[in-house]
């Protein structure tokens, strides 16, 4: 049986642990920052000196730390793309705009252990020669913003932030910026636009890669809350020790948000790849509600492609001789890591598992998800702006008695014409993938719903055909 391994949340729920500076210091807080700031230059065999910031950057890369916000991209590699030759200032932004439905991990850190985030940010800033950083927090976290501002004030008063930190000669300032409740600000360039005071329209990449042309057209690093906290532990433990946690190419721990039809919904921190979906649902989550059977699992937040109960996947695994061997794996036995879920056709995303039992109306579930994405589209790109709304309207029609047998194919036709490089950012994929996967795996339910609605309409009209608006507005109620 897999066990919870608390690294980031080690003290967060401990009895008597508070989110203030004194408590954090009593539990070893800011020791990793002290270590980073006093790290001596390393002399290589060829006589070349490697500065402390360069050493930290290399350690983060060597640790195998991958982003915890959604894409799972190498943190160290992301840092290596930063333009350090332009002469422009480098900025760092903490993406605390936690908005993916089903996700509630970053807020645990913000509310319960804010100094861990600040320490991770300070180390990351030092490693990248950043003098000014921001925490972009979603507007629905007013208390979280207050907690962070208070924690920053405490940090300044103790000399861990501001001018000449701990006598090191390094200066750093961090500010909290509150968003206004827009999901699109979770996309890094949309976030940057918002931080600059503009409408959060994501930027075209290229040329606007944040590492080169980010905030104020300067090199910028955007990292997730949990990712930045892990940087502290990489420095404290050392890259080699940190890399022992988790599995190869999936190192460290992840905080998993578990919700839906389970007995014990909540957040659980596990070593990456050490727990399967089955263990997370049935051991950590206490299993399904009494008398119910599993129907579906969304493994990485609402934008991740859904898994159907009983699905089998052929995955390559290392055999005893070290060679790749293809094995058939049940969906529930997939290791919860970046690579396994990707190989199975979905993703770990923001590590938010949404469980659905056999009481779930799949059409209504998808209608709920699609309504969210239609509402949250920024409207910049036509395929996304129009397509997300068409899908939502069609699904709303289906949930109000206006379904057609051909609606399954109609929805897929729309969804297939949104992603694939037709939009500026990945929101096009985010709104399309749920529709594509739900219909592909539960098409019989969509067809049955449409057929039942058609039969009811025919019986109501005495056999005469009735007019029906295909993409009706949400307030439309058919006969």
Protein backbone atom coordinates (compact mmCIF):
# COMPACT_ATOMS: atom_id res chain seq x y z
CA UNK A 1 0.00 0.00 0.00
CA UNK A 2 1.33 3.44 -0.95
CA UNK A 3 2.03 5.86 1.86
CA UNK A 4 1.65 9.61 1.98
CA UNK A 5 5.04 11.35 1.91
CA UNK A 6 4.82 14.91 3.15
CA UNK A 7 7.64 17.16 2.02
CA UNK A 8 5.90 20.41 1.08
CA UNK A 9 3.05 19.85 3.54
CA UNK A 10 5.27 18.41 6.26
CA UNK A 11 4.14 20.91 8.88
CA UNK A 12 1.07 22.44 7.24
CA UNK A 13 -1.50 20.40 9.19
CA UNK A 14 0.64 19.63 12.25
CA UNK A 15 -1.00 20.49 15.59
CA UNK A 16 0.09 23.92 16.79
CA UNK A 17 1.76 24.90 13.52
CA UNK A 18 0.98 28.50 12.56
CA UNK A 19 1.60 30.43 9.36
CA UNK A 20 3.70 33.15 11.01
CA UNK A 21 7.43 33.87 10.87
CA UNK A 22 8.30 32.75 14.41
CA UNK A 23 6.76 29.32 13.91
CA UNK A 24 8.44 28.93 10.53
CA UNK A 25 11.84 29.80 11.99
CA UNK A 26 11.37 27.29 14.84
CA UNK A 27 10.89 24.60 12.19
CA UNK A 28 14.07 25.40 10.26
CA UNK A 29 12.67 28.12 8.06
CA UNK A 30 15.00 30.20 5.85
CA UNK A 31 17.95 27.88 6.51
CA UNK A 32 17.94 26.87 2.83
CA UNK A 33 18.04 30.55 1.83
CA UNK A 34 21.00 31.11 4.16
CA UNK A 35 22.71 28.10 2.58
CA UNK A 36 22.10 29.47 -0.91
CA UNK A 37 23.36 32.97 -0.11
CA UNK A 38 26.55 31.66 1.52
CA UNK A 39 27.34 29.05 -1.10
CA UNK A 40 30.97 29.57 -2.23
CA UNK A 41 31.97 29.55 -5.90
CA UNK A 42 32.97 26.13 -7.18
CA UNK A 43 36.26 25.75 -9.04
CA UNK A 44 36.20 23.22 -11.87
CA UNK A 45 39.22 21.09 -12.86
CA UNK A 46 39.88 23.42 -15.79
CA UNK A 47 40.10 26.36 -13.41
CA UNK A 48 36.74 27.84 -14.35
CA UNK A 49 34.67 29.21 -11.47
CA UNK A 50 30.98 28.43 -11.15
CA UNK A 51 29.07 31.02 -9.16
CA UNK A 52 26.56 30.14 -6.45
CA UNK A 53 23.55 31.11 -8.61
CA UNK A 54 24.86 28.93 -11.46
CA UNK A 55 25.32 26.02 -9.05
CA UNK A 56 21.73 26.32 -7.84
CA UNK A 57 20.44 26.43 -11.41
CA UNK A 58 22.40 23.29 -12.26
CA UNK A 59 21.18 21.53 -9.09
CA UNK A 60 17.56 22.29 -9.94
CA UNK A 61 18.12 20.86 -13.41
CA UNK A 62 19.93 17.80 -12.03
CA UNK A 63 17.18 17.19 -9.46
CA UNK A 64 14.72 16.44 -12.24
CA UNK A 65 12.15 18.85 -10.79
CA UNK A 66 9.26 19.31 -13.20
CA UNK A 67 6.64 22.06 -13.09
CA UNK A 68 3.67 21.34 -10.84
CA UNK A 69 1.28 23.75 -12.54
CA UNK A 70 0.12 21.60 -15.42
CA UNK A 71 2.58 21.09 -18.26
CA UNK A 72 5.19 19.20 -16.23
CA UNK A 73 8.10 20.89 -18.02
CA UNK A 74 11.59 20.71 -16.50
CA UNK A 75 12.06 23.62 -14.11
CA UNK A 76 15.83 23.75 -14.57
CA UNK A 77 15.51 23.64 -18.34
CA UNK A 78 12.96 26.44 -18.25
CA UNK A 79 15.40 28.56 -16.25
CA UNK A 80 18.16 27.81 -18.77
CA UNK A 81 16.16 29.51 -21.54
CA UNK A 82 16.29 32.89 -19.78
CA UNK A 83 18.07 35.59 -21.79
CA UNK A 84 20.94 36.64 -19.50
CA UNK A 85 22.83 38.66 -22.11
CA UNK A 86 20.30 41.34 -23.03
CA UNK A 87 21.21 43.63 -20.13
CA UNK A 88 17.52 43.88 -19.22
CA UNK A 89 16.30 43.09 -15.71
CA UNK A 90 15.04 39.55 -15.15
CA UNK A 91 11.69 39.09 -13.39
CA UNK A 92 10.16 36.12 -11.62
CA UNK A 93 6.42 35.60 -11.23
CA UNK A 94 4.80 33.04 -8.97
CA UNK A 95 1.65 31.76 -10.66
CA UNK A 96 -0.81 31.46 -7.76
CA UNK A 97 -3.84 31.79 -10.03
CA UNK A 98 -5.09 28.32 -9.07
CA UNK A 99 -8.25 28.08 -11.17
CA UNK A 100 -8.36 24.61 -12.76
CA UNK A 101 -11.62 22.97 -11.61
CA UNK A 102 -10.88 20.20 -9.12
CA UNK A 103 -7.59 21.74 -7.96
CA UNK A 104 -7.06 22.93 -4.39
CA UNK A 105 -3.40 22.25 -3.58
CA UNK A 106 -1.61 25.59 -3.93
CA UNK A 107 -4.04 27.33 -1.59
CA UNK A 108 -3.02 24.89 1.16
CA UNK A 109 0.54 26.21 0.93
CA UNK A 110 -0.54 29.86 0.72
CA UNK A 111 -2.91 29.69 3.67
CA UNK A 112 -0.96 27.31 5.91
CA UNK A 113 2.75 27.78 5.11
CA UNK A 114 3.27 31.03 3.15
CA UNK A 115 6.89 31.46 4.28
CA UNK A 116 7.86 28.23 2.53
CA UNK A 117 6.69 29.78 -0.74
CA UNK A 118 8.52 33.03 -0.04
CA UNK A 119 11.73 31.17 0.79
CA UNK A 120 11.46 29.10 -2.39
CA UNK A 121 10.88 32.29 -4.38
CA UNK A 122 13.84 34.07 -2.76
CA UNK A 123 16.19 31.19 -3.60
CA UNK A 124 14.86 30.99 -7.17
CA UNK A 125 15.29 34.74 -7.58
CA UNK A 126 18.85 34.62 -6.26
CA UNK A 127 19.65 31.75 -8.64
CA UNK A 128 18.44 33.79 -11.60
CA UNK A 129 19.68 37.28 -10.62
CA UNK A 130 16.12 38.54 -10.12
CA UNK A 131 15.70 41.72 -8.10
CA UNK A 132 11.93 42.11 -8.41
CA UNK A 133 9.32 39.35 -8.22
CA UNK A 134 5.55 39.08 -8.05
CA UNK A 135 3.02 36.65 -6.64
CA UNK A 136 0.00 36.70 -8.95
CA UNK A 137 -2.84 35.33 -6.83
CA UNK A 138 -6.36 34.64 -8.04
CA UNK A 139 -8.95 37.22 -7.03
CA UNK A 140 -11.06 34.62 -5.19
CA UNK A 141 -8.31 34.26 -2.56
CA UNK A 142 -8.69 37.56 -0.63
CA UNK A 143 -7.59 35.97 2.64
CA UNK A 144 -4.65 34.32 0.87
CA UNK A 145 -3.49 37.73 -0.38
CA UNK A 146 -3.70 39.14 3.15
CA UNK A 147 -1.73 36.19 4.55
CA UNK A 148 0.98 36.60 1.91
CA UNK A 149 1.26 40.36 2.45
CA UNK A 150 1.60 39.84 6.19
CA UNK A 151 4.21 37.13 5.63
CA UNK A 152 6.17 39.40 3.27
CA UNK A 153 6.15 42.16 5.89
CA UNK A 154 7.51 39.70 8.47
CA UNK A 155 10.17 38.57 6.00
CA UNK A 156 11.31 42.15 5.42
CA UNK A 157 11.44 42.85 9.15
CA UNK A 158 13.76 39.88 9.68
CA UNK A 159 16.11 40.87 6.85
CA UNK A 160 15.23 37.99 4.53
CA UNK A 161 13.85 40.40 1.95
CA UNK A 162 14.79 43.91 0.82
CA UNK A 163 18.22 45.49 0.53
CA UNK A 164 21.40 43.52 1.24
CA UNK A 165 19.66 40.35 2.41
CA UNK A 166 21.51 38.85 5.40
CA UNK A 167 24.55 40.95 4.51
CA UNK A 168 25.01 39.09 1.22
CA UNK A 169 24.85 42.16 -1.01
CA UNK A 170 21.82 40.68 -2.76
CA UNK A 171 18.66 42.82 -3.07
CA UNK A 172 15.17 41.45 -3.67
CA UNK A 173 11.62 42.72 -3.39
CA UNK A 174 8.42 40.66 -3.79
CA UNK A 175 4.92 42.05 -4.24
CA UNK A 176 1.49 40.43 -4.24
CA UNK A 177 -0.78 41.21 -7.20
CA UNK A 178 -4.41 40.11 -7.08
CA UNK A 179 -6.17 38.90 -10.20
CA UNK A 180 -9.84 39.50 -10.95
CA UNK A 181 -11.14 35.96 -11.27
CA UNK A 182 -10.14 35.03 -14.82
CA UNK A 183 -9.12 31.42 -15.56
CA UNK A 184 -7.11 32.55 -18.59
CA UNK A 185 -4.65 34.30 -16.25
CA UNK A 186 -3.32 30.87 -15.37
CA UNK A 187 -1.75 30.90 -18.84
CA UNK A 188 1.63 32.54 -18.30
CA UNK A 189 1.48 35.19 -21.02
CA UNK A 190 -2.12 36.06 -20.18
CA UNK A 191 -0.97 36.46 -16.60
CA UNK A 192 1.84 38.77 -17.71
CA UNK A 193 -0.58 40.92 -19.72
CA UNK A 194 -2.84 41.20 -16.68
CA UNK A 195 0.09 42.07 -14.42
CA UNK A 196 0.92 44.89 -16.83
CA UNK A 197 -2.62 46.22 -16.37
CA UNK A 198 -4.00 45.04 -19.69
CA UNK A 199 -6.75 42.67 -20.81
CA UNK A 200 -5.30 39.17 -20.29
CA UNK A 201 -5.01 38.15 -23.94
CA UNK A 202 -2.31 35.45 -24.22
CA UNK A 203 0.63 36.37 -26.42
CA UNK A 204 1.77 34.62 -29.57
CA UNK A 205 4.81 32.35 -29.04
CA UNK A 206 7.10 32.97 -30.84
CA UNK A 207 8.21 35.67 -30.49
CA UNK A 208 6.80 36.34 -26.99
CA UNK A 209 8.42 33.55 -25.01
CA UNK A 210 8.52 34.87 -21.42
CA UNK A 211 12.13 33.77 -20.99
CA UNK A 212 13.07 36.36 -23.62
CA UNK A 213 10.17 38.81 -23.94
CA UNK A 214 8.06 38.58 -20.81
CA UNK A 215 7.00 41.19 -18.27
CA UNK A 216 7.65 44.69 -19.68
CA UNK A 217 9.31 42.92 -22.65
CA UNK A 218 12.07 41.67 -20.32
CA UNK A 219 13.22 38.10 -19.57
CA UNK A 220 10.73 36.54 -17.16
CA UNK A 221 10.37 33.26 -15.29
CA UNK A 222 6.87 32.05 -14.42
CA UNK A 223 6.65 29.15 -11.97
CA UNK A 224 3.84 27.54 -10.02
CA UNK A 225 3.47 27.83 -6.21
CA UNK A 226 4.27 24.18 -5.53
CA UNK A 227 7.20 24.20 -7.97
CA UNK A 228 8.87 27.13 -6.19
CA UNK A 229 8.43 25.42 -2.82
CA UNK A 230 10.27 22.38 -4.18
CA UNK A 231 13.26 24.58 -5.09
CA UNK A 232 13.80 25.19 -1.37
CA UNK A 233 13.99 21.43 -0.75
CA UNK A 234 16.33 20.83 -3.70
CA UNK A 235 18.78 23.31 -2.13
CA UNK A 236 18.29 21.96 1.39
CA UNK A 237 18.65 18.28 0.43
CA UNK A 238 20.95 18.54 -2.56
CA UNK A 239 20.02 17.53 -6.08
CA UNK A 240 21.09 13.89 -5.74
CA UNK A 241 19.08 13.27 -2.57
CA UNK A 242 16.02 15.04 -3.95
CA UNK A 243 16.19 12.95 -7.14
CA UNK A 244 15.88 9.79 -5.02
CA UNK A 245 12.29 10.78 -4.24
CA UNK A 246 9.74 9.63 -6.78
CA UNK A 247 10.78 7.72 -9.88
CA UNK A 248 13.23 8.39 -12.74
CA UNK A 249 12.13 11.42 -14.80
CA UNK A 250 9.30 11.91 -12.27
CA UNK A 251 11.17 13.01 -9.17
CA UNK A 252 10.03 14.57 -5.91
CA UNK A 253 6.53 14.64 -4.50
CA UNK A 254 3.16 15.92 -5.74
CA UNK A 255 0.17 17.22 -3.86
CA UNK A 256 -2.88 15.50 -5.32
CA UNK A 257 -6.35 17.08 -5.03
CA UNK A 258 -8.89 14.27 -4.80
CA UNK A 259 -12.58 15.11 -5.20
CA UNK A 260 -15.85 13.70 -6.47
CA UNK A 261 -17.58 10.51 -5.41
CA UNK A 262 -15.11 9.29 -2.79
CA UNK A 263 -15.58 8.92 0.95
CA UNK A 264 -12.55 11.01 1.91
CA UNK A 265 -11.98 13.84 -0.59
CA UNK A 266 -8.96 15.96 0.22
CA UNK A 267 -5.34 16.68 -0.63
CA UNK A 268 -2.64 14.04 -0.36
CA UNK A 269 1.10 14.40 -0.93
CA UNK A 270 2.83 11.37 -2.42
CA UNK A 271 6.12 10.56 -4.09
CA UNK A 272 5.61 10.90 -7.84
CA UNK A 273 4.85 7.50 -9.37
CA UNK A 274 4.74 5.66 -6.03
CA UNK A 275 0.94 5.52 -5.93
CA UNK A 276 -1.48 4.26 -8.56
CA UNK A 277 -4.86 5.81 -9.36
CA UNK A 278 -6.43 2.82 -7.57
CA UNK A 279 -4.45 3.51 -4.37
CA UNK A 280 -5.26 7.22 -4.46
CA UNK A 281 -8.99 6.55 -4.83
CA UNK A 282 -9.45 3.47 -2.64
CA UNK A 283 -6.68 3.78 -0.03
CA UNK A 284 -6.22 7.52 0.40
CA UNK A 285 -9.77 8.47 -0.63
CA UNK A 286 -11.50 5.67 1.25
CA UNK A 287 -13.12 4.27 -1.89
CA UNK A 288 -16.45 5.01 -3.53
CA UNK A 289 -19.70 5.72 -1.76
CA UNK A 290 -21.46 2.59 -0.47
CA UNK A 291 -23.23 0.58 -3.14
CA UNK A 292 -21.68 2.45 -6.05
CA UNK A 293 -19.36 1.41 -8.88
CA UNK A 294 -16.68 3.44 -10.59
CA UNK A 295 -17.70 4.99 -13.89
CA UNK A 296 -14.99 7.49 -14.85
CA UNK A 297 -11.94 9.37 -13.61
CA UNK A 298 -10.59 12.72 -14.73
CA UNK A 299 -6.92 12.43 -13.72
CA UNK A 300 -5.52 15.96 -13.96
CA UNK A 301 -8.13 18.68 -13.59
CA UNK A 302 -11.20 19.26 -15.75
CA UNK A 303 -9.22 19.87 -18.95
CA UNK A 304 -7.56 16.43 -18.81
CA UNK A 305 -9.02 13.68 -21.01
CA UNK A 306 -11.33 11.40 -19.05
CA UNK A 307 -10.61 7.74 -18.30
CA UNK A 308 -13.43 5.19 -18.42
CA UNK A 309 -13.59 2.50 -15.74
CA UNK A 310 -12.20 -0.77 -17.05
CA UNK A 311 -10.01 0.81 -19.74
CA UNK A 312 -6.78 -0.98 -20.56
CA UNK A 313 -3.61 0.60 -21.88
CA UNK A 314 -0.46 -0.85 -23.42
CA UNK A 315 2.51 0.85 -21.79
CA UNK A 316 6.22 0.25 -22.09
CA UNK A 317 8.00 -0.64 -18.85
CA UNK A 318 11.53 -1.65 -18.01
CA UNK A 319 11.97 -5.40 -17.73
CA UNK A 320 14.47 -7.21 -15.44
CA UNK A 321 17.08 -6.95 -18.18
CA UNK A 322 16.58 -3.20 -18.49
CA UNK A 323 14.86 -3.45 -21.88
CA UNK A 324 11.46 -1.95 -22.63
CA UNK A 325 8.63 -4.47 -22.38
CA UNK A 326 5.06 -3.69 -23.45
CA UNK A 327 2.53 -4.47 -20.73
CA UNK A 328 -1.23 -4.14 -20.53
CA UNK A 329 -2.24 -1.98 -17.60
CA UNK A 330 -5.69 -1.34 -16.18
CA UNK A 331 -6.59 2.34 -15.85
CA UNK A 332 -6.70 2.04 -12.06
CA UNK A 333 -3.21 0.54 -11.97
CA UNK A 334 -1.56 3.43 -13.83
CA UNK A 335 1.22 4.96 -11.71
CA UNK A 336 0.29 8.54 -10.93
CA UNK A 337 3.14 10.33 -12.67
CA UNK A 338 3.65 12.63 -15.63
CA UNK A 339 4.79 10.04 -18.16
CA UNK A 340 2.39 7.16 -17.46
CA UNK A 341 -0.73 9.31 -17.71
CA UNK A 342 0.59 10.95 -20.86
CA UNK A 343 1.28 7.54 -22.42
CA UNK A 344 -2.30 6.56 -21.57
CA UNK A 345 -3.61 9.52 -23.56
CA UNK A 346 -4.34 11.99 -20.78
CA UNK A 347 -2.21 14.01 -18.36
CA UNK A 348 -1.55 14.59 -14.67
CA UNK A 349 -2.06 18.33 -15.28
CA UNK A 350 -2.59 20.11 -11.98
CA UNK A 351 -2.76 16.76 -10.12
CA UNK A 352 -6.51 17.02 -9.57
CA UNK A 353 -8.36 13.70 -9.65
CA UNK A 354 -12.13 13.93 -10.11
CA UNK A 355 -13.94 10.63 -9.44
CA UNK A 356 -17.34 9.82 -10.93
CA UNK A 357 -19.41 6.79 -9.90
CA UNK A 358 -22.28 5.09 -11.73
CA UNK A 359 -24.79 7.69 -10.52
CA UNK A 360 -23.18 10.28 -12.80
CA UNK A 361 -25.09 11.63 -15.76
CA UNK A 362 -22.20 11.90 -18.23
CA UNK A 363 -24.01 14.38 -20.49
CA UNK A 364 -24.70 16.70 -17.54
CA UNK A 365 -21.13 16.33 -16.27
CA UNK A 366 -19.71 17.38 -19.64
CA UNK A 367 -22.26 20.20 -19.92
CA UNK A 368 -21.02 21.54 -16.58
CA UNK A 369 -17.38 21.43 -17.69
CA UNK A 370 -18.14 23.00 -21.07
CA UNK A 371 -20.15 25.81 -19.51
CA UNK A 372 -17.10 26.71 -17.42
CA UNK A 373 -14.78 26.87 -20.44
CA UNK A 374 -17.26 28.84 -22.55
CA UNK A 375 -17.48 31.38 -19.74
CA UNK A 376 -13.71 31.55 -19.24
CA UNK A 377 -12.57 31.90 -22.87
CA UNK A 378 -10.83 35.26 -23.25
CA UNK A 379 -12.41 35.65 -26.71
CA UNK A 380 -9.23 36.55 -28.56
CA UNK A 381 -9.23 33.58 -30.96
CA UNK A 382 -12.29 32.80 -33.07
CA UNK A 383 -12.12 28.95 -32.89
CA UNK A 384 -11.98 29.03 -29.11
CA UNK A 385 -14.41 31.92 -28.58
CA UNK A 386 -17.07 30.49 -30.89
CA UNK A 387 -16.36 26.78 -30.49
CA UNK A 388 -16.42 26.69 -26.69
CA UNK A 389 -19.76 28.52 -26.70
CA UNK A 390 -21.28 26.31 -29.41
CA UNK A 391 -20.33 23.18 -27.47
CA UNK A 392 -21.74 24.60 -24.25
CA UNK A 393 -25.00 25.67 -25.89
CA UNK A 394 -25.46 22.30 -27.58
CA UNK A 395 -24.83 20.46 -24.30
CA UNK A 396 -27.17 22.77 -22.44
CA UNK A 397 -29.81 21.97 -25.05
CA UNK A 398 -29.20 18.26 -24.53
CA UNK A 399 -29.61 18.55 -20.76
CA UNK A 400 -32.95 20.33 -21.21
CA UNK A 401 -34.67 17.79 -23.43
CA UNK A 402 -33.50 19.03 -26.82
CA UNK A 403 -31.04 16.29 -27.70
CA UNK A 404 -30.57 14.68 -31.13
CA UNK A 405 -28.98 11.33 -31.98
CA UNK A 406 -26.41 13.14 -34.14
CA UNK A 407 -25.35 15.51 -31.34
CA UNK A 408 -22.42 13.25 -30.38
CA UNK A 409 -20.89 13.65 -33.84
CA UNK A 410 -21.84 17.34 -33.92
CA UNK A 411 -19.95 18.00 -30.68
CA UNK A 412 -16.86 16.14 -31.87
CA UNK A 413 -16.90 18.03 -35.17
CA UNK A 414 -16.74 21.33 -33.26
CA UNK A 415 -14.14 20.08 -30.79
CA UNK A 416 -11.87 18.78 -33.55
CA UNK A 417 -11.76 22.19 -35.20
CA UNK A 418 -10.49 24.15 -32.18
CA UNK A 419 -7.07 22.71 -31.16
CA UNK A 420 -4.03 21.86 -33.24
CA UNK A 421 -2.37 25.25 -33.55
CA UNK A 422 -5.54 27.15 -34.45
CA UNK A 423 -5.46 29.22 -31.24
CA UNK A 424 -2.80 31.36 -29.60
CA UNK A 425 -2.72 29.46 -26.30
CA UNK A 426 -3.62 25.99 -25.00
CA UNK A 427 -7.12 27.03 -23.91
CA UNK A 428 -8.33 25.63 -27.22
CA UNK A 429 -7.11 22.20 -26.16
CA UNK A 430 -8.45 22.68 -22.63
CA UNK A 431 -12.02 23.22 -23.82
CA UNK A 432 -11.84 20.55 -26.57
CA UNK A 433 -10.24 17.61 -24.81
CA UNK A 434 -13.11 16.98 -22.37
CA UNK A 435 -15.64 16.95 -25.22
CA UNK A 436 -13.48 14.74 -27.43
CA UNK A 437 -12.77 12.19 -24.69
CA UNK A 438 -16.22 12.15 -23.04
CA UNK A 439 -17.96 11.54 -26.38
CA UNK A 440 -15.37 9.00 -27.53
CA UNK A 441 -15.69 6.92 -24.38
CA UNK A 442 -19.38 7.37 -23.59
CA UNK A 443 -20.85 7.90 -27.05
CA UNK A 444 -23.66 5.44 -26.37
CA UNK A 445 -24.98 7.66 -23.59
CA UNK A 446 -24.99 10.75 -25.80
CA UNK A 447 -26.74 8.89 -28.62
CA UNK A 448 -29.28 7.33 -26.23
CA UNK A 449 -30.04 10.72 -24.69
CA UNK A 450 -30.57 12.25 -28.13
CA UNK A 451 -32.74 9.35 -29.30
CA UNK A 452 -34.93 9.56 -26.17
CA UNK A 453 -35.40 13.30 -26.63
CA UNK A 454 -36.29 12.87 -30.32
CA UNK A 455 -38.84 10.18 -29.45
CA UNK A 456 -40.41 12.36 -26.78
CA UNK A 457 -40.68 15.32 -29.17
CA UNK A 458 -42.31 13.17 -31.83
CA UNK A 459 -44.84 11.84 -29.36
CA UNK A 460 -45.57 15.37 -28.15
CA UNK A 461 -46.16 16.71 -31.68
CA UNK A 462 -48.15 13.70 -32.82
CA UNK A 463 -45.45 12.56 -35.24
CA UNK A 464 -44.83 15.94 -36.86
CA UNK A 465 -41.27 17.23 -36.86
CA UNK A 466 -40.56 20.12 -34.51
CA UNK A 467 -38.17 22.99 -35.13
CA UNK A 468 -35.00 22.91 -33.02
CA UNK A 469 -32.19 25.37 -32.75
CA UNK A 470 -28.98 23.32 -32.87
CA UNK A 471 -26.87 25.65 -30.73
CA UNK A 472 -29.63 27.13 -28.63
CA UNK A 473 -28.96 29.73 -25.95
CA UNK A 474 -28.91 28.48 -22.34
CA UNK A 475 -32.36 29.94 -21.59
CA UNK A 476 -33.94 28.08 -24.52
CA UNK A 477 -36.39 25.37 -23.42
CA UNK A 478 -37.59 23.13 -26.30
CA UNK A 479 -41.05 21.56 -26.42
